[in-house]
Structure formats: C-alpha cells, structure tokens
C-alpha atoms as a PDB file:
ATOM      1  CA  MET A   1      14.955  11.010 -20.031  1.00  0.00           C
ATOM      2  CA  ILE A   2      13.804  13.979 -18.276  1.00  0.00           C
ATOM      3  CA  HIS A   3      11.773  16.005 -20.462  1.00  0.00           C
ATOM      4  CA  PRO A   4      12.543  19.750 -20.671  1.00  0.00           C
ATOM      5  CA  THR A   5       9.831  21.345 -19.750  1.00  0.00           C
ATOM      6  CA  ALA A   6       9.279  19.550 -16.320  1.00  0.00           C
ATOM      7  CA  ILE A   7      10.181  21.250 -13.401  1.00  0.00           C
ATOM      8  CA  ILE A   8      12.378  19.455 -10.795  1.00  0.00           C
ATOM      9  CA  ASP A   9      13.831  21.213  -7.605  1.00  0.00           C
ATOM     10  CA  PRO A  10      17.107  20.536  -6.620  1.00  0.00           C
ATOM     11  CA  GLY A  11      16.789  19.292  -3.440  1.00  0.00           C
ATOM     12  CA  ALA A  12      14.539  15.752  -5.076  1.00  0.00           C
ATOM     13  CA  GLU A  13      16.482  12.755  -5.312  1.00  0.00           C
ATOM     14  CA  LEU A  14      15.597  10.431  -8.669  1.00  0.00           C
ATOM     15  CA  GLY A  15      17.197   7.720  -8.635  1.00  0.00           C
ATOM     16  CA  LYS A  16      18.604   5.327 -12.342  1.00  0.00           C
ATOM     17  CA  GLU A  17      16.796   5.171 -15.282  1.00  0.00           C
ATOM     18  CA  VAL A  18      13.826   7.192 -14.043  1.00  0.00           C
ATOM     19  CA  THR A  19      11.281   9.086 -16.429  1.00  0.00           C
ATOM     20  CA  VAL A  20       9.677  12.352 -16.115  1.00  0.00           C
ATOM     21  CA  GLY A  21       7.586  13.570 -18.653  1.00  0.00           C
ATOM     22  CA  PRO A  22       6.088  16.962 -20.193  1.00  0.00           C
ATOM     23  CA  TYR A  23       5.674  19.343 -17.726  1.00  0.00           C
ATOM     24  CA  ALA A  24       5.876  17.252 -14.625  1.00  0.00           C
ATOM     25  CA  VAL A  25       6.140  18.849 -11.603  1.00  0.00           C
ATOM     26  CA  ILE A  26       8.328  17.380  -8.572  1.00  0.00           C
ATOM     27  CA  GLY A  27       9.171  19.170  -5.515  1.00  0.00           C
ATOM     28  CA  PRO A  28      11.572  19.483  -2.697  1.00  0.00           C
ATOM     29  CA  LYS A  29      12.169  17.046  -0.280  1.00  0.00           C
ATOM     30  CA  VAL A  30      10.910  13.537  -3.347  1.00  0.00           C
ATOM     31  CA  THR A  31      13.146  10.533  -2.705  1.00  0.00           C
ATOM     32  CA  ILE A  32      12.125   8.107  -6.457  1.00  0.00           C
ATOM     33  CA  GLY A  33      13.275   5.104  -6.976  1.00  0.00           C
ATOM     34  CA  ASP A  34      15.343   3.134 -10.132  1.00  0.00           C
ATOM     35  CA  GLY A  35      13.090   2.862 -13.086  1.00  0.00           C
ATOM     36  CA  CYS A  36      10.029   5.522 -11.685  1.00  0.00           C
ATOM     37  CA  THR A  37       7.542   6.477 -14.397  1.00  0.00           C
ATOM     38  CA  VAL A  38       6.102  10.309 -14.040  1.00  0.00           C
ATOM     39  CA  GLY A  39       4.297  11.431 -16.292  1.00  0.00           C
ATOM     40  CA  SER A  40       3.020  14.361 -18.367  1.00  0.00           C
ATOM     41  CA  HIS A  41       1.406  17.304 -16.272  1.00  0.00           C
ATOM     42  CA  ALA A  42       1.872  14.824 -12.998  1.00  0.00           C
ATOM     43  CA  VAL A  43       3.100  16.848  -9.790  1.00  0.00           C
ATOM     44  CA  ILE A  44       4.667  15.012  -6.746  1.00  0.00           C
ATOM     45  CA  GLU A  45       4.898  17.748  -4.568  1.00  0.00           C
ATOM     46  CA  SER A  46       6.747  17.558  -1.576  1.00  0.00           C
ATOM     47  CA  HIS A  47       8.000  14.495   0.896  1.00  0.00           C
ATOM     48  CA  VAL A  48       7.325  11.881  -0.949  1.00  0.00           C
ATOM     49  CA  ARG A  49       9.441   8.599  -0.832  1.00  0.00           C
ATOM     50  CA  MET A  50       8.780   5.760  -3.426  1.00  0.00           C
ATOM     51  CA  GLY A  51      10.871   2.897  -4.227  1.00  0.00           C
ATOM     52  CA  LYS A  52      11.456   1.277  -7.448  1.00  0.00           C
ATOM     53  CA  GLY A  53       9.231   0.852 -10.815  1.00  0.00           C
ATOM     54  CA  ASN A  54       6.807   2.725  -9.259  1.00  0.00           C
ATOM     55  CA  ARG A  55       4.414   4.220 -12.694  1.00  0.00           C
ATOM     56  CA  ILE A  56       2.546   8.723 -11.654  1.00  0.00           C
ATOM     57  CA  HIS A  57       0.533   8.938 -14.570  1.00  0.00           C
ATOM     58  CA  SER A  58      -0.639  12.110 -16.025  1.00  0.00           C
ATOM     59  CA  PHE A  59      -2.463  14.745 -13.484  1.00  0.00           C
ATOM     60  CA  ALA A  60      -1.594  12.172 -10.977  1.00  0.00           C
ATOM     61  CA  SER A  61      -0.640  14.542  -7.366  1.00  0.00           C
ATOM     62  CA  VAL A  62       0.994  13.005  -5.042  1.00  0.00           C
ATOM     63  CA  GLY A  63       2.510  14.552  -1.433  1.00  0.00           C
ATOM     64  CA  ALA A  64      -0.348  17.519  -1.394  1.00  0.00           C
ATOM     65  CA  ILE A  65      -1.383  18.644   2.200  1.00  0.00           C
ATOM     66  CA  PRO A  66      -3.818  17.425   3.310  1.00  0.00           C
ATOM     67  CA  GLN A  67      -7.265  17.970   2.962  1.00  0.00           C
ATOM     68  CA  ASP A  68      -8.032  18.788   7.026  1.00  0.00           C
ATOM     69  CA  LEU A  69      -7.990  22.085   8.715  1.00  0.00           C
ATOM     70  CA  LYS A  70      -6.157  21.142  11.614  1.00  0.00           C
ATOM     71  CA  TYR A  71      -3.344  20.845   9.443  1.00  0.00           C
ATOM     72  CA  ARG A  72      -0.490  23.163  10.524  1.00  0.00           C
ATOM     73  CA  GLY A  73       2.716  22.860   8.166  1.00  0.00           C
ATOM     74  CA  GLU A  74       3.719  20.510   9.991  1.00  0.00           C
ATOM     75  CA  GLU A  75       5.960  17.731   8.528  1.00  0.00           C
ATOM     76  CA  SER A  76       4.802  14.679   7.320  1.00  0.00           C
ATOM     77  CA  TRP A  77       4.776  12.399   4.614  1.00  0.00           C
ATOM     78  CA  VAL A  78       3.815  10.164   1.766  1.00  0.00           C
ATOM     79  CA  GLU A  79       5.618   6.570   1.086  1.00  0.00           C
ATOM     80  CA  MET A  80       5.195   4.477  -1.007  1.00  0.00           C
ATOM     81  CA  GLY A  81       7.502   1.100  -1.949  1.00  0.00           C
ATOM     82  CA  ASP A  82       7.626  -0.918  -5.242  1.00  0.00           C
ATOM     83  CA  GLY A  83       5.762  -1.637  -8.269  1.00  0.00           C
ATOM     84  CA  ASN A  84       2.451   0.499  -7.662  1.00  0.00           C
ATOM     85  CA  ILE A  85       0.673   2.128 -10.532  1.00  0.00           C
ATOM     86  CA  ILE A  86      -1.267   5.277  -9.348  1.00  0.00           C
ATOM     87  CA  ARG A  87      -3.108   6.570 -13.019  1.00  0.00           C
ATOM     88  CA  GLU A  88      -4.518   9.454 -13.905  1.00  0.00           C
ATOM     89  CA  PHE A  89      -6.169  12.503 -11.723  1.00  0.00           C
ATOM     90  CA  ALA A  90      -5.503  11.072  -8.591  1.00  0.00           C
ATOM     91  CA  THR A  91      -4.886  12.353  -5.165  1.00  0.00           C
ATOM     92  CA  VAL A  92      -2.791  11.041  -2.400  1.00  0.00           C
ATOM     93  CA  ASN A  93      -2.408  13.134   0.353  1.00  0.00           C
ATOM     94  CA  ARG A  94       0.566  13.668   2.716  1.00  0.00           C
ATOM     95  CA  GLY A  95      -0.504  12.934   6.876  1.00  0.00           C
ATOM     96  CA  THR A  96      -0.776  14.649   9.875  1.00  0.00           C
ATOM     97  CA  ALA A  97       0.567  15.003  12.999  1.00  0.00           C
ATOM     98  CA  GLY A  98      -2.447  13.693  14.759  1.00  0.00           C
ATOM     99  CA  GLY A  99      -2.570  10.683  12.577  1.00  0.00           C
ATOM    100  CA  GLY A 100       1.729   9.598  12.539  1.00  0.00           C
ATOM    101  CA  GLY A 101       2.068  11.983  10.339  1.00  0.00           C
ATOM    102  CA  LEU A 102       2.343   9.788   7.439  1.00  0.00           C
ATOM    103  CA  THR A 103       0.215   8.305   4.118  1.00  0.00           C
ATOM    104  CA  SER A 104       1.754   5.149   3.116  1.00  0.00           C
ATOM    105  CA  ILE A 105       0.866   2.344   0.064  1.00  0.00           C
ATOM    106  CA  GLY A 106       2.519  -1.285  -0.416  1.00  0.00           C
ATOM    107  CA  ASN A 107       4.134  -3.044  -2.818  1.00  0.00           C
ATOM    108  CA  ASN A 108       2.164  -3.259  -6.394  1.00  0.00           C
ATOM    109  CA  THR A 109      -1.211  -1.844  -5.994  1.00  0.00           C
ATOM    110  CA  LEU A 110      -2.859  -0.656  -8.205  1.00  0.00           C
ATOM    111  CA  VAL A 111      -4.759   2.866  -8.088  1.00  0.00           C
ATOM    112  CA  MET A 112      -7.081   3.680 -11.100  1.00  0.00           C
ATOM    113  CA  ALA A 113      -7.891   7.116 -12.132  1.00  0.00           C
ATOM    114  CA  TYR A 114      -9.643   9.943  -9.398  1.00  0.00           C
ATOM    115  CA  SER A 115      -9.226   7.212  -6.914  1.00  0.00           C
ATOM    116  CA  HIS A 116      -8.258   9.183  -3.766  1.00  0.00           C
ATOM    117  CA  LEU A 117      -6.110   8.172  -0.648  1.00  0.00           C
ATOM    118  CA  ALA A 118      -6.726  11.020   2.061  1.00  0.00           C
ATOM    119  CA  HIS A 119      -4.162  11.932   4.522  1.00  0.00           C
ATOM    120  CA  ASP A 120      -2.562   8.768   7.275  1.00  0.00           C
ATOM    121  CA  CYS A 121      -3.892   6.601   4.884  1.00  0.00           C
ATOM    122  CA  HIS A 122      -2.550   3.313   4.903  1.00  0.00           C
ATOM    123  CA  VAL A 123      -3.185   1.253   1.837  1.00  0.00           C
ATOM    124  CA  GLY A 124      -1.353  -2.342   1.659  1.00  0.00           C
ATOM    125  CA  SER A 125       0.220  -4.506  -0.888  1.00  0.00           C
ATOM    126  CA  HIS A 126      -1.502  -5.476  -4.188  1.00  0.00           C
ATOM    127  CA  VAL A 127      -4.336  -3.762  -3.636  1.00  0.00           C
ATOM    128  CA  ILE A 128      -6.532  -2.678  -6.395  1.00  0.00           C
ATOM    129  CA  MET A 129      -8.860   0.678  -6.222  1.00  0.00           C
ATOM    130  CA  ALA A 130     -11.295   0.990  -8.607  1.00  0.00           C
ATOM    131  CA  ASN A 131     -12.063   4.682 -10.489  1.00  0.00           C
ATOM    132  CA  SER A 132     -13.159   7.289  -8.300  1.00  0.00           C
ATOM    133  CA  ALA A 133     -12.687   4.920  -5.463  1.00  0.00           C
ATOM    134  CA  THR A 134     -12.617   7.667  -2.176  1.00  0.00           C
ATOM    135  CA  LEU A 135     -10.823   6.852   0.881  1.00  0.00           C
ATOM    136  CA  ALA A 136     -11.251   9.653   4.091  1.00  0.00           C
ATOM    137  CA  GLY A 137      -8.740  10.079   6.210  1.00  0.00           C
ATOM    138  CA  HIS A 138      -6.696   7.208   8.918  1.00  0.00           C
ATOM    139  CA  VAL A 139      -8.346   4.391   6.928  1.00  0.00           C
ATOM    140  CA  THR A 140      -6.271   1.106   6.919  1.00  0.00           C
ATOM    141  CA  VAL A 141      -6.882  -1.159   4.115  1.00  0.00           C
ATOM    142  CA  GLU A 142      -4.738  -4.910   3.855  1.00  0.00           C
ATOM    143  CA  ASP A 143      -3.224  -6.666   1.551  1.00  0.00           C
ATOM    144  CA  GLY A 144      -5.154  -7.918  -1.807  1.00  0.00           C
ATOM    145  CA  ALA A 145      -8.364  -6.188  -0.587  1.00  0.00           C
ATOM    146  CA  ILE A 146     -10.268  -4.393  -4.058  1.00  0.00           C
ATOM    147  CA  ILE A 147     -12.675  -1.492  -3.680  1.00  0.00           C
ATOM    148  CA  GLY A 148     -15.245  -1.004  -6.760  1.00  0.00           C
ATOM    149  CA  GLY A 149     -16.092   1.735  -8.468  1.00  0.00           C
ATOM    150  CA  LEU A 150     -17.349   5.597  -6.708  1.00  0.00           C
ATOM    151  CA  THR A 151     -16.927   3.184  -3.780  1.00  0.00           C
ATOM    152  CA  GLY A 152     -16.879   5.789  -0.358  1.00  0.00           C
ATOM    153  CA  VAL A 153     -14.794   4.756   2.462  1.00  0.00           C
ATOM    154  CA  HIS A 154     -15.446   6.622   6.241  1.00  0.00           C
ATOM    155  CA  GLN A 155     -12.544   7.993   8.480  1.00  0.00           C
ATOM    156  CA  PHE A 156     -11.344   5.461  10.585  1.00  0.00           C
ATOM    157  CA  VAL A 157     -12.382   2.298   8.615  1.00  0.00           C
ATOM    158  CA  ARG A 158     -10.378  -0.878   8.563  1.00  0.00           C
ATOM    159  CA  ILE A 159     -10.432  -3.005   5.143  1.00  0.00           C
ATOM    160  CA  GLY A 160      -8.933  -6.482   5.932  1.00  0.00           C
ATOM    161  CA  ARG A 161      -7.575  -8.498   4.131  1.00  0.00           C
ATOM    162  CA  LEU A 162      -8.710  -9.941   0.689  1.00  0.00           C
ATOM    163  CA  ALA A 163     -12.229  -8.336   1.288  1.00  0.00           C
ATOM    164  CA  MET A 164     -13.742  -6.963  -2.230  1.00  0.00           C
ATOM    165  CA  LEU A 165     -16.352  -3.996  -2.032  1.00  0.00           C
ATOM    166  CA  GLY A 166     -18.771  -3.313  -4.895  1.00  0.00           C
ATOM    167  CA  GLY A 167     -18.497  -0.315  -6.984  1.00  0.00           C
ATOM    168  CA  LEU A 168     -20.800   2.454  -5.186  1.00  0.00           C
ATOM    169  CA  ALA A 169     -20.621   0.561  -2.192  1.00  0.00           C
ATOM    170  CA  ALA A 170     -19.897   2.974   1.134  1.00  0.00           C
ATOM    171  CA  ALA A 171     -18.122   1.595   4.270  1.00  0.00           C
ATOM    172  CA  THR A 172     -18.689   3.384   8.076  1.00  0.00           C
ATOM    173  CA  LYS A 173     -17.806   0.427  10.183  1.00  0.00           C
ATOM    174  CA  ASP A 174     -14.759  -2.857   9.402  1.00  0.00           C
ATOM    175  CA  VAL A 175     -15.106  -4.229   7.033  1.00  0.00           C
ATOM    176  CA  PRO A 176     -13.347  -8.173   8.136  1.00  0.00           C
ATOM    177  CA  PRO A 177     -10.918 -10.207   5.997  1.00  0.00           C
ATOM    178  CA  PHE A 178     -12.376 -11.917   2.957  1.00  0.00           C
ATOM    179  CA  CYS A 179     -15.665 -10.821   3.118  1.00  0.00           C
ATOM    180  CA  THR A 180     -17.053  -9.478  -0.004  1.00  0.00           C
ATOM    181  CA  MET A 181     -19.842  -6.438   0.280  1.00  0.00           C
ATOM    182  CA  ARG A 182     -21.995  -6.642  -3.056  1.00  0.00           C
ATOM    183  CA  PRO A 183     -22.176  -3.312  -5.079  1.00  0.00           C
ATOM    184  CA  THR A 184     -24.707  -0.148  -3.816  1.00  0.00           C
ATOM    185  CA  ALA A 185     -24.458  -2.022  -0.428  1.00  0.00           C
ATOM    186  CA  LEU A 186     -23.867   0.020   3.018  1.00  0.00           C
ATOM    187  CA  ASN A 187     -21.919  -1.658   5.851  1.00  0.00           C
ATOM    188  CA  ALA A 188     -23.410  -4.609   4.445  1.00  0.00           C
ATOM    189  CA  VAL A 189     -20.716  -7.758   3.397  1.00  0.00           C
ATOM    190  CA  THR A 190     -22.846 -10.417   1.657  1.00  0.00           C
ATOM    191  CA  ALA A 191     -20.236 -13.648   1.788  1.00  0.00           C
ATOM    192  CA  LEU A 192     -16.928 -15.103   1.391  1.00  0.00           C
ATOM    193  CA  ASN A 193     -14.340 -13.410  -1.878  1.00  0.00           C
ATOM    194  CA  VAL A 194     -13.355 -16.989  -2.554  1.00  0.00           C
ATOM    195  CA  ILE A 195     -12.088 -15.942  -5.701  1.00  0.00           C
ATOM    196  CA  GLY A 196      -9.804 -13.600  -4.407  1.00  0.00           C
ATOM    197  CA  MET A 197      -8.626 -16.374  -1.815  1.00  0.00           C
ATOM    198  CA  ARG A 198      -8.036 -18.976  -3.804  1.00  0.00           C
ATOM    199  CA  ARG A 199      -6.158 -16.584  -5.975  1.00  0.00           C
ATOM    200  CA  ALA A 200      -4.228 -15.794  -3.401  1.00  0.00           C
ATOM    201  CA  GLY A 201      -2.902 -19.043  -2.960  1.00  0.00           C
ATOM    202  CA  MET A 202      -4.980 -19.758   0.316  1.00  0.00           C
ATOM    203  CA  THR A 203      -5.436 -23.650   0.759  1.00  0.00           C
ATOM    204  CA  PRO A 204      -8.891 -25.581   0.966  1.00  0.00           C
ATOM    205  CA  THR A 205      -8.557 -25.959   3.904  1.00  0.00           C
ATOM    206  CA  GLU A 206      -7.832 -22.350   5.261  1.00  0.00           C
ATOM    207  CA  ARG A 207     -10.629 -21.351   2.853  1.00  0.00           C
ATOM    208  CA  ALA A 208     -12.881 -24.037   4.959  1.00  0.00           C
ATOM    209  CA  GLU A 209     -11.420 -22.597   8.226  1.00  0.00           C
ATOM    210  CA  ALA A 210     -12.721 -18.887   6.899  1.00  0.00           C
ATOM    211  CA  LYS A 211     -16.265 -19.868   5.398  1.00  0.00           C
ATOM    212  CA  GLU A 212     -16.597 -21.937   9.500  1.00  0.00           C
ATOM    213  CA  ALA A 213     -15.382 -18.320  10.541  1.00  0.00           C
ATOM    214  CA  PHE A 214     -18.115 -16.539   8.774  1.00  0.00           C
ATOM    215  CA  ARG A 215     -20.847 -18.950   9.526  1.00  0.00           C
ATOM    216  CA  LEU A 216     -20.221 -18.126  13.667  1.00  0.00           C
ATOM    217  CA  LEU A 217     -19.971 -14.700  13.461  1.00  0.00           C
ATOM    218  CA  TYR A 218     -23.333 -14.102  10.813  1.00  0.00           C
ATOM    219  CA  ARG A 219     -25.519 -17.447  10.073  1.00  0.00           C
ATOM    220  CA  ALA A 220     -25.287 -19.513  13.849  1.00  0.00           C
ATOM    221  CA  SER A 221     -27.478 -16.849  15.907  1.00  0.00           C
ATOM    222  CA  LEU A 222     -24.331 -15.696  18.432  1.00  0.00           C
ATOM    223  CA  ASN A 223     -23.678 -11.887  19.316  1.00  0.00           C
ATOM    224  CA  VAL A 224     -20.527 -10.328  17.966  1.00  0.00           C
ATOM    225  CA  THR A 225     -18.638 -11.951  21.998  1.00  0.00           C
ATOM    226  CA  GLN A 226     -20.109 -14.927  21.951  1.00  0.00           C
ATOM    227  CA  ALA A 227     -18.742 -15.882  17.908  1.00  0.00           C
ATOM    228  CA  LEU A 228     -15.720 -15.077  19.122  1.00  0.00           C
ATOM    229  CA  GLU A 229     -15.068 -16.864  21.451  1.00  0.00           C
ATOM    230  CA  ALA A 230     -16.914 -19.848  19.053  1.00  0.00           C
ATOM    231  CA  ILE A 231     -14.169 -19.431  17.130  1.00  0.00           C
ATOM    232  CA  ARG A 232     -11.425 -18.771  19.112  1.00  0.00           C
ATOM    233  CA  GLY A 233     -12.623 -22.265  20.826  1.00  0.00           C
ATOM    234  CA  ASN A 234     -12.751 -24.297  17.808  1.00  0.00           C
ATOM    235  CA  PHE A 235      -9.506 -22.984  15.899  1.00  0.00           C
ATOM    236  CA  GLN A 236      -5.672 -22.507  17.011  1.00  0.00           C
ATOM    237  CA  GLY A 237      -4.617 -20.323  14.297  1.00  0.00           C
ATOM    238  CA  GLY A 238      -5.040 -19.680  10.379  1.00  0.00           C
ATOM    239  CA  PRO A 239      -7.915 -17.554   8.609  1.00  0.00           C
ATOM    240  CA  ALA A 240     -10.480 -18.458  11.649  1.00  0.00           C
ATOM    241  CA  ILE A 241      -8.420 -16.770  13.759  1.00  0.00           C
ATOM    242  CA  GLU A 242      -6.966 -13.681  11.350  1.00  0.00           C
ATOM    243  CA  MET A 243     -10.867 -12.483  11.573  1.00  0.00           C
ATOM    244  CA  CYS A 244     -11.665 -12.914  14.772  1.00  0.00           C
ATOM    245  CA  ASP A 245      -8.827 -10.928  16.203  1.00  0.00           C
ATOM    246  CA  PHE A 246      -9.729  -8.470  13.214  1.00  0.00           C
ATOM    247  CA  ILE A 247     -12.629  -7.967  14.783  1.00  0.00           C
ATOM    248  CA  ALA A 248     -11.728  -7.756  18.260  1.00  0.00           C
ATOM    249  CA  ALA A 249      -9.429  -4.957  17.699  1.00  0.00           C
ATOM    250  CA  SER A 250     -12.747  -3.130  15.591  1.00  0.00           C
ATOM    251  CA  LYS A 251     -13.191   0.262  17.468  1.00  0.00           C
ATOM    252  CA  ARG A 252     -16.048   1.013  14.813  1.00  0.00           C
ATOM    253  CA  GLY A 253     -17.722  -2.077  14.984  1.00  0.00           C
ATOM    254  CA  ILE A 254     -18.127  -4.375  11.981  1.00  0.00           C
ATOM    255  CA  CYS A 255     -20.327  -4.363   9.120  1.00  0.00           C
ATOM    256  CA  ARG A 256     -23.326  -6.439   9.729  1.00  0.00           C
ATOM    257  CA  LEU A 257     -25.297  -9.485   7.064  1.00  0.00           C
ATOM    258  CA  ASP A 258     -27.120  -7.956   4.431  1.00  0.00           C
ATOM    259  CA  ASP A 259     -30.092 -11.049   4.536  1.00  0.00           C
ATOM    260  CA  SER A 260     -31.579 -10.167   1.253  1.00  0.00           C
ATOM    261  CA  ALA A 261     -28.428 -10.993  -0.585  1.00  0.00           C
ATOM    262  CA  ASP A 262     -28.784 -15.183  -1.975  1.00  0.00           C
ATOM    263  CA  ASP A 263     -25.460 -15.346  -2.466  1.00  0.00           C
ATOM    264  CA  ASP A 264     -24.587 -16.714   1.531  1.00  0.00           C
ATOM    265  CA  GLN A 265     -21.832 -18.479   0.430  1.00  0.00           C
ATOM    266  CA  ALA A 266     -20.073 -18.189  -2.469  1.00  0.00           C
ATOM    267  CA  PRO A 267     -19.665 -22.292  -4.143  1.00  0.00           C
ATOM    268  CA  ASP A 268     -15.821 -23.822  -3.602  1.00  0.00           C
ATOM    269  CA  PRO A 269     -14.932 -26.037  -6.005  1.00  0.00           C
ATOM    270  CA  ASP A 270     -12.530 -27.887  -3.646  1.00  0.00           C
END
C-alpha cells in the first residue's frame, strides 16, 4: 500500500507488497525489494539499493549525501540486504569517492533510533546499534557486534565479530573479535563476550580457543607481536586465528586491557 501523500520519484523501483506511509519521500535511483515498509515522513533520498523485508521507520533518513566537505557530488550508494530495521530518526549516508563510494549494511541488522552510519561505513549482519550509537566515516562493524547506546566510534575503526561495546563507550582504536568494552570505557576491553559467543553457536572448544588467545594477548605479559606469534604457534585456525588475523591487519592499533575491571573473563559453564 502506498499512501496518497507519499512522494515517489518515477525512477524509483518498488518490489511487491511494499508499504509506503504518509508523507514519505522516495527519490531517484532507489530500488526497494519485496515486502519492505517505509514509515511516515521517512526519506530515502537517492542512490539506495535494498533487499527484501526491510523496515524503515518514521523520520529515518537513508541515502542522503555524506557529511564530508570533500564530497563533490560524485555518484555513490547505500546498499543493504534483507530484514534490516532502521528505527526513527536514524541516518544512513551514502559513500564517497575516497572511500569506495559505498555505505553498506548486511542482513537482519537493527539500527535503533537516532543512530548514525556515516559515509563509507560497512556494517555486517545481525549487528545491533542501540539508540544514538554513532559511526564516523569508513568504520567497519563485523557480524554480530553490539554497539551500546550513545557510543561513539572514530573514523576508520574496525569492530570485530561478536564484539560488544557498552553504552557511552568510545572507540578510537580497533576492537578485536569477541571482546567487550564496559560502559563509559575509552579504548579499553575488559573480557570476552561469552554470552554472545554462545548465542552465536560457537562450541565450547571454540570459546576456549578464543579465551586462550585473549589471555596471550592481554594477560601473558607479551607485547602484541609476541602475542600474535604465540597464538599462531598454538592454533591452526578457528576463533584464535580470527583474532590474530584481525589484529595483524589493524592500522589504528587495538584497544588495551582495562586493568581496573574485575571481570577479566566472564564465566563459561561449558
């Protein structure tokens, strides 16, 4: 159903059973897959490709030009997969030529109210961004990560798979996979996201490997280079090597350990 007050550009392509609410605006070069919902007053400005079953809530903005003074009107895009939810007043900006021209979201990701995805961000699948979580430009968030409310992530930072950032945290360095940052932390990890790993279906063996990699990295009195060598010497693959590869590819450096935390490793009953 398309409400009669909605404004839809003739060049937009809407799939089957798409619902567009009152006063919504859908601009040119927009493709919306089957079963999507666009809420009242939402704006899908232009250059957006989305898959099936996405829900864009009232007053959200998807596909606006990037907030980057270097942007000169070049063609760039927002792409998202299936089943994503973009809540009220959230903003998802297009990419820039300097960042590859693309901002992307995977599948089944929840972007809560007032959150912001800046230009050239790449957010994976099953990610949760709580209210007012903010990603600066060129940020990568891997699958299953959780970013707490009012959290800020600096440009070019990477958030690893199944990492969890507590509310009001701030990351200007990379957060390795499976690690947690407590609320209000600045570039400081505290433990492993054991509950998240269990919910994601990681086996006890895989969780144990991640725990040992965490110990070598943060608790074994080794520098980063030594820790990576030790991890590679002990494991051939799995989550430990995933952590190792993520850290080896870091350009901004990784978060340190918060020694003031008393929850070094969350208990794992398995």
